[in-house]
Protein backbone atom coordinates (compact mmCIF):
# COMPACT_ATOMS: atom_id res chain seq x y z
CA MET A 1 1.83 23.24 -25.08
CA LEU A 2 1.31 19.59 -24.11
CA GLU A 3 -2.32 19.71 -25.23
CA ALA A 4 -1.17 20.93 -28.65
CA ILE A 5 1.53 18.26 -28.91
CA PHE A 6 -0.81 15.38 -28.04
CA LYS A 7 -4.02 16.63 -29.69
CA ASP A 8 -3.98 13.86 -32.33
CA TYR A 9 -3.48 11.06 -29.79
CA LYS A 10 -6.84 9.73 -28.62
CA ASN A 11 -5.28 7.66 -25.82
CA ILE A 12 -3.46 10.59 -24.14
CA LYS A 13 -5.09 13.22 -21.93
CA VAL A 14 -3.35 16.27 -20.50
CA MET A 15 -4.71 16.93 -17.03
CA SER A 16 -3.70 18.90 -13.95
CA PHE A 17 -4.41 18.08 -10.34
CA GLU A 18 -3.92 19.09 -6.74
CA GLY A 19 -3.00 16.72 -3.96
CA LEU A 20 -1.17 13.41 -4.12
CA LEU A 21 -0.18 11.89 -7.45
CA VAL A 22 -1.22 8.43 -6.31
CA ASP A 23 -4.71 9.70 -5.43
CA PHE A 24 -5.03 11.33 -8.84
CA ALA A 25 -3.85 8.12 -10.51
CA SER A 26 -6.35 5.98 -8.58
CA LYS A 27 -9.27 8.29 -9.37
CA ASN A 28 -8.40 8.25 -13.07
CA SER A 29 -7.70 4.52 -13.48
CA VAL A 30 -3.99 5.06 -14.13
CA ASP A 31 -1.97 1.83 -14.05
CA ALA A 32 1.53 3.31 -14.25
CA ILE A 33 3.42 6.48 -13.47
CA VAL A 34 6.39 7.20 -15.75
CA LYS A 35 9.12 9.55 -14.51
CA GLY A 36 12.39 10.71 -16.00
CA LEU A 37 15.61 10.74 -14.00
CA ARG A 38 18.42 13.12 -14.86
CA ALA A 39 20.86 12.66 -11.99
CA MET A 40 21.38 10.69 -8.79
CA THR A 41 19.68 13.43 -6.81
CA ASP A 42 16.53 12.83 -8.90
CA PHE A 43 16.78 9.12 -8.18
CA ASP A 44 17.10 9.58 -4.42
CA TYR A 45 14.01 11.79 -4.28
CA GLU A 46 11.90 9.86 -6.78
CA PHE A 47 12.76 6.50 -5.24
CA GLN A 48 11.40 7.67 -1.89
CA MET A 49 8.26 8.99 -3.61
CA ALA A 50 7.79 5.70 -5.49
CA GLN A 51 8.06 3.71 -2.26
CA MET A 52 5.43 5.88 -0.59
CA ASN A 53 3.17 5.66 -3.65
CA GLN A 54 3.56 1.86 -3.53
CA GLU A 55 2.29 1.87 0.05
CA LEU A 56 -0.64 4.16 -0.77
CA GLY A 57 -1.57 2.60 -4.13
CA PRO A 58 0.00 -0.84 -4.57
CA GLU A 59 -1.90 -1.35 -7.85
CA ILE A 60 -0.03 1.55 -9.48
CA GLU A 61 3.41 0.84 -10.92
CA THR A 62 6.16 3.48 -11.11
CA LEU A 63 8.62 3.34 -14.02
CA PHE A 64 11.82 5.36 -14.30
CA LEU A 65 13.40 6.37 -17.60
CA VAL A 66 16.97 7.57 -17.97
CA PRO A 67 17.65 10.00 -20.84
CA GLU A 68 20.54 10.06 -23.26
CA VAL A 69 23.38 12.18 -21.87
CA GLU A 70 22.67 14.98 -24.35
CA TYR A 71 19.14 15.39 -22.90
CA SER A 72 19.98 14.99 -19.21
CA PHE A 73 19.62 18.73 -18.55
CA LEU A 74 15.95 18.80 -19.68
């Protein structure tokens, strides 16, 4: 589905991986990881993951986006 959505965007690739996200990002020259947060429980978990990723790949930035209330369940 994502490949179909982004097929006309030359600067977006849909890829899958196994292992650590920060390793995948480093191998593919990714500068930033963007994650969505729906609730405080997401923040607690993702904050810990971002801190670990910062230790493992300090050149990779993690950004968090908060949705509008109507989309918080997605």
